[in-house]
Amino acid sequence: MALTDLQKQIYMRNIALSEVGESGQEKLLNSSVLVVGNGGLGSPALLYLAAMGIGHIGLCDRDDISYSNLNRQVLYTIADVGQSKSKVAAQKLKAINPDLRVDIYEEFLREDNALDICRGYDIVVDCLDNFAARFILNDACLDLAIPFVHAGVYKYYGQTITIVPGKGPCLRCIFAQESIEMMQKSSGNDSLDGVPGVTPGIFGIIEALEVFKYIVGLPVNSKGFFYFDGLQMESQIIEMERDPDCICGKKYK
C-alpha cells in the first residue's frame, strides 16, 4: 500500500535515508513486532518502535506500574501508578502512532503460552529481567524460526545481540545452563539493585534500532554481544560461535 501524504510527512526523516526510502517505510508500516517485558528496556524500545512507524506491536507484560518503576520506565507517569503496564503502554503508543495496531498479552511468558504469544510476529524484542523467561523466549523463537533481539543490563553495564535462527548463536549457546544460577545471583533483580534509568534506556533504544535494521534489510548484530560499559564509556563486540550441541545447532544444521 502506498504511503499517504501524512505518512510521508511523519516519516520523512526515515524515508530520507538512502537505505530506507518509501519502500523501506512501507516495510516498517506492514511489520509486526512483539515486545516481551514493557518496563525499563521495553519502555524506550516501544517509544521508538511506535515512532518509526511499526504497524503492529504486541505487548506482553502482566505487571502493574509502581513508583519504583518511574526512574527508568519512561512510558509511565505518577498518574499511571497502579495500572496495567501493557494497557497504559498501548494508550501511549497509539497517541504517537494512531494507525498502530496493538495486541495486549496481559500475562507472564511461560512454557505453555510462549508459542501462542510469539507466533505470527516478524521479530520479537526481549525486554525481560530474568534468565528463566529469556530461555523460554529463546526456545519459542527458535521453534518458530523468528529472530529476536536480546538485551540485558546491570547497573552501568549492558549487552545486546540479535538472535537470527540458523545464522549465529542463541542464548543457550552463550549462557550454559549450569551457569544460570550464578548469573541470576550476580545480575540481581532490578527491584533490589540500583540502576540509573539511562542504562536500560540506551539498550532499549539499541534494541529498537536492531528491529529497524532487520525490517528494512540492513545487517544486524548477530555474531556476538555488543557490550557497553557506561562508567568507562567503553564498548566492544564479543564474537561468539554457535554451539553444534546446542538446541539451535541441532535444529539449524
Protein backbone atom coordinates (compact mmCIF):
# COMPACT_ATOMS: atom_id res chain seq x y z
CA MET A 1 0.00 0.00 0.00
CA ALA A 2 1.39 3.40 -0.99
CA LEU A 3 2.22 5.92 1.71
CA THR A 4 -0.31 8.65 2.38
CA ASP A 5 0.75 12.30 2.28
CA LEU A 6 0.55 12.44 6.08
CA GLN A 7 2.74 9.36 6.44
CA LYS A 8 5.30 10.89 4.10
CA GLN A 9 5.45 13.93 6.39
CA ILE A 10 5.63 11.96 9.63
CA TYR A 11 8.32 9.57 8.41
CA MET A 12 10.23 11.92 6.12
CA ARG A 13 13.47 11.51 8.12
CA ASN A 14 13.24 7.73 7.78
CA ILE A 15 12.43 7.99 4.09
CA ALA A 16 15.36 10.37 3.53
CA LEU A 17 17.79 7.58 4.47
CA SER A 18 19.18 6.07 1.26
CA GLU A 19 18.88 2.58 2.77
CA VAL A 20 15.18 3.07 3.55
CA GLY A 21 13.22 5.26 1.14
CA GLU A 22 9.47 4.88 0.71
CA SER A 23 9.73 1.12 0.13
CA GLY A 24 11.55 0.65 3.44
CA GLN A 25 8.99 2.75 5.26
CA GLU A 26 6.23 0.62 3.78
CA LYS A 27 8.02 -2.44 5.21
CA LEU A 28 8.00 -0.84 8.65
CA LEU A 29 4.32 0.03 8.41
CA ASN A 30 3.50 -3.53 7.34
CA SER A 31 5.64 -5.19 10.01
CA SER A 32 4.73 -6.79 13.33
CA VAL A 33 6.89 -6.69 16.46
CA LEU A 34 6.32 -8.39 19.82
CA VAL A 35 7.88 -6.75 22.89
CA VAL A 36 8.09 -9.10 25.88
CA GLY A 37 8.50 -7.00 29.01
CA ASN A 38 7.21 -3.44 28.99
CA GLY A 39 9.44 -1.98 31.70
CA GLY A 40 12.95 -0.49 31.77
CA LEU A 41 14.07 -1.88 28.41
CA GLY A 42 10.60 -2.15 26.94
CA SER A 43 9.55 1.45 27.53
CA PRO A 44 12.22 3.16 25.39
CA ALA A 45 12.12 0.37 22.80
CA LEU A 46 8.36 0.77 22.44
CA LEU A 47 8.52 4.55 22.13
CA TYR A 48 10.91 4.31 19.20
CA LEU A 49 9.16 1.37 17.56
CA ALA A 50 5.91 3.34 17.51
CA ALA A 51 7.64 6.49 16.34
CA MET A 52 9.43 4.74 13.46
CA GLY A 53 6.09 3.53 12.11
CA ILE A 54 5.85 -0.13 13.07
CA GLY A 55 2.32 -1.11 12.06
CA HIS A 56 1.55 -3.85 14.60
CA ILE A 57 3.02 -4.18 18.10
CA GLY A 58 2.34 -6.90 20.64
CA LEU A 59 2.69 -6.04 24.32
CA CYS A 60 3.40 -8.87 26.75
CA ASP A 61 3.58 -7.96 30.44
CA ARG A 62 1.46 -8.80 33.46
CA ASP A 63 2.87 -6.23 35.89
CA ASP A 64 1.25 -3.06 37.15
CA ILE A 65 3.10 0.27 37.29
CA SER A 66 4.75 1.13 40.62
CA TYR A 67 6.51 4.25 41.89
CA SER A 68 9.87 2.44 41.80
CA ASN A 69 9.49 1.95 38.04
CA LEU A 70 9.44 5.64 37.21
CA ASN A 71 13.18 6.40 37.17
CA ARG A 72 13.64 4.28 34.03
CA GLN A 73 10.26 3.21 32.60
CA VAL A 74 9.73 6.37 30.59
CA LEU A 75 6.34 5.42 29.14
CA TYR A 76 4.70 5.94 32.52
CA THR A 77 3.97 8.80 34.91
CA ILE A 78 2.89 9.11 38.54
CA ALA A 79 -0.72 9.28 37.35
CA ASP A 80 -0.32 5.77 35.88
CA VAL A 81 0.80 4.06 39.11
CA GLY A 82 -1.31 1.00 39.93
CA GLN A 83 -2.46 0.47 36.35
CA SER A 84 -1.52 -2.29 33.92
CA LYS A 85 1.77 -1.62 32.11
CA SER A 86 0.64 -3.15 28.84
CA LYS A 87 -2.71 -1.32 28.80
CA VAL A 88 -1.18 2.06 29.61
CA ALA A 89 1.60 1.45 27.10
CA ALA A 90 -0.98 0.72 24.39
CA GLN A 91 -2.66 4.08 25.02
CA LYS A 92 0.62 6.00 24.97
CA LEU A 93 1.85 4.31 21.79
CA LYS A 94 -1.37 4.93 19.90
CA ALA A 95 -1.07 8.62 20.79
CA ILE A 96 2.26 8.60 18.96
CA ASN A 97 1.04 6.47 16.04
CA PRO A 98 -2.77 6.48 15.69
CA ASP A 99 -2.61 3.91 12.88
CA LEU A 100 -0.83 1.43 15.15
CA ARG A 101 -2.50 -1.92 15.79
CA VAL A 102 -1.80 -3.16 19.32
CA ASP A 103 -2.34 -6.62 20.79
CA ILE A 104 -2.10 -7.00 24.56
CA TYR A 105 -1.00 -10.19 26.34
CA GLU A 106 -1.52 -9.34 30.00
CA GLU A 107 0.34 -12.40 31.26
CA PHE A 108 3.81 -13.63 32.04
CA LEU A 109 5.64 -15.56 29.32
CA ARG A 110 5.60 -19.27 30.22
CA GLU A 111 6.43 -22.54 28.52
CA ASP A 112 2.73 -23.25 27.96
CA ASN A 113 1.91 -19.90 26.29
CA ALA A 114 5.14 -18.75 24.62
CA LEU A 115 4.50 -20.32 21.21
CA ASP A 116 0.97 -18.91 21.00
CA ILE A 117 2.11 -15.42 22.02
CA CYS A 118 5.12 -15.26 19.69
CA ARG A 119 3.54 -16.92 16.65
CA GLY A 120 2.94 -14.65 13.66
CA TYR A 121 5.29 -11.80 14.55
CA ASP A 122 8.14 -10.78 12.25
CA ILE A 123 10.58 -10.19 15.11
CA VAL A 124 10.49 -10.28 18.91
CA VAL A 125 12.21 -7.97 21.42
CA ASP A 126 13.45 -9.49 24.68
CA CYS A 127 12.99 -6.87 27.42
CA LEU A 128 12.77 -9.40 30.23
CA ASP A 129 14.59 -9.27 33.56
CA ASN A 130 15.30 -12.94 34.31
CA PHE A 131 17.08 -15.77 32.54
CA ALA A 132 14.37 -18.40 33.04
CA ALA A 133 11.90 -16.39 30.93
CA ARG A 134 14.61 -15.49 28.43
CA PHE A 135 15.33 -19.16 27.75
CA ILE A 136 11.62 -19.81 27.25
CA LEU A 137 11.54 -16.95 24.73
CA ASN A 138 14.73 -18.19 23.08
CA ASP A 139 13.31 -21.69 22.59
CA ALA A 140 9.94 -20.44 21.31
CA CYS A 141 11.57 -18.16 18.75
CA LEU A 142 13.86 -20.96 17.58
CA ASP A 143 10.89 -23.32 17.19
CA LEU A 144 9.02 -20.68 15.18
CA ALA A 145 12.11 -19.51 13.24
CA ILE A 146 11.52 -15.92 14.41
CA PRO A 147 14.50 -13.64 15.11
CA PHE A 148 14.62 -11.84 18.43
CA VAL A 149 16.68 -9.04 19.92
CA HIS A 150 18.09 -9.71 23.39
CA ALA A 151 19.37 -7.11 25.84
CA GLY A 152 20.31 -7.27 29.48
CA VAL A 153 21.54 -4.55 31.83
CA TYR A 154 23.15 -4.35 35.25
CA LYS A 155 23.86 -1.01 36.92
CA TYR A 156 26.01 0.89 34.38
CA TYR A 157 26.61 -2.04 32.02
CA GLY A 158 24.72 -3.97 29.40
CA GLN A 159 24.87 -6.22 26.39
CA THR A 160 22.75 -6.93 23.35
CA ILE A 161 22.62 -9.37 20.44
CA THR A 162 20.12 -10.17 17.72
CA ILE A 163 19.43 -13.90 17.56
CA VAL A 164 18.70 -14.94 13.97
CA PRO A 165 17.79 -18.65 13.82
CA GLY A 166 20.34 -20.54 11.75
CA LYS A 167 22.78 -17.63 11.40
CA GLY A 168 24.52 -17.35 14.74
CA PRO A 169 24.48 -18.36 18.40
CA CYS A 170 21.35 -18.45 20.53
CA LEU A 171 21.13 -17.60 24.22
CA ARG A 172 21.67 -21.23 25.22
CA CYS A 173 24.94 -21.25 23.27
CA ILE A 174 26.06 -18.11 25.06
CA PHE A 175 24.84 -18.92 28.56
CA ALA A 176 25.42 -22.51 29.59
CA GLN A 177 22.50 -23.95 31.53
CA GLU A 178 24.66 -24.71 34.56
CA SER A 179 25.70 -21.05 34.87
CA ILE A 180 22.17 -19.67 35.09
CA GLU A 181 22.01 -19.79 38.90
CA MET A 182 25.32 -17.97 39.16
CA MET A 183 24.21 -15.29 36.68
CA GLN A 184 20.92 -14.80 38.47
CA LYS A 185 22.79 -14.10 41.69
CA SER A 186 25.28 -11.74 40.05
CA SER A 187 22.78 -9.84 37.94
CA GLY A 188 20.26 -9.49 40.74
CA ASN A 189 16.75 -8.16 40.39
CA ASP A 190 16.02 -4.63 39.25
CA SER A 191 13.62 -4.16 42.16
CA LEU A 192 16.56 -4.60 44.57
CA ASP A 193 19.68 -3.45 42.73
CA GLY A 194 20.35 0.14 41.73
CA VAL A 195 20.31 1.15 38.08
CA PRO A 196 20.40 4.62 36.50
CA GLY A 197 17.45 4.93 34.16
CA VAL A 198 19.68 5.77 31.22
CA THR A 199 21.28 2.30 31.16
CA PRO A 200 18.13 0.40 30.15
CA GLY A 201 17.26 3.47 28.07
CA ILE A 202 20.42 3.05 25.99
CA PHE A 203 19.83 -0.63 25.42
CA GLY A 204 16.10 -0.39 24.76
CA ILE A 205 16.86 2.14 22.04
CA ILE A 206 19.57 -0.11 20.59
CA GLU A 207 17.04 -2.95 20.50
CA ALA A 208 14.65 -0.71 18.55
CA LEU A 209 17.46 0.17 16.13
CA GLU A 210 18.18 -3.53 15.54
CA VAL A 211 14.48 -4.08 14.77
CA PHE A 212 14.56 -1.14 12.35
CA LYS A 213 17.62 -2.54 10.57
CA TYR A 214 16.24 -6.06 10.36
CA ILE A 215 12.93 -4.97 8.86
CA VAL A 216 14.40 -2.68 6.21
CA GLY A 217 17.03 -5.29 5.29
CA LEU A 218 20.21 -3.90 6.88
CA PRO A 219 22.76 -6.11 8.69
CA VAL A 220 22.13 -6.72 12.38
CA ASN A 221 24.48 -7.71 15.18
CA SER A 222 24.01 -11.48 15.23
CA LYS A 223 27.60 -12.67 15.73
CA GLY A 224 28.07 -11.82 19.39
CA PHE A 225 27.45 -9.39 22.21
CA PHE A 226 27.66 -5.67 21.80
CA TYR A 227 28.86 -4.78 25.31
CA PHE A 228 28.82 -1.28 26.79
CA ASP A 229 30.44 -0.03 29.99
CA GLY A 230 28.74 3.22 30.94
CA LEU A 231 31.23 4.06 33.70
CA GLN A 232 34.30 3.92 31.47
CA MET A 233 32.39 4.83 28.29
CA GLU A 234 33.86 1.81 26.53
CA SER A 235 32.21 -0.61 24.14
CA GLN A 236 33.18 -3.73 22.25
CA ILE A 237 31.68 -6.56 20.24
CA ILE A 238 32.48 -10.00 21.63
CA GLU A 239 32.06 -12.52 18.80
CA MET A 240 30.67 -15.95 19.69
CA GLU A 241 30.22 -19.20 17.80
CA ARG A 242 27.10 -21.30 17.57
CA ASP A 243 27.40 -24.48 19.65
CA PRO A 244 26.71 -27.53 17.43
CA ASP A 245 25.50 -29.42 20.52
CA CYS A 246 23.02 -26.68 21.47
CA ILE A 247 19.34 -26.94 20.50
CA CYS A 248 19.87 -24.30 17.82
CA GLY A 249 22.87 -26.16 16.41
CA LYS A 250 20.85 -29.36 16.18
CA LYS A 251 17.80 -27.61 14.72
CA TYR A 252 19.65 -25.42 12.19
CA LYS A 253 22.49 -27.54 10.85
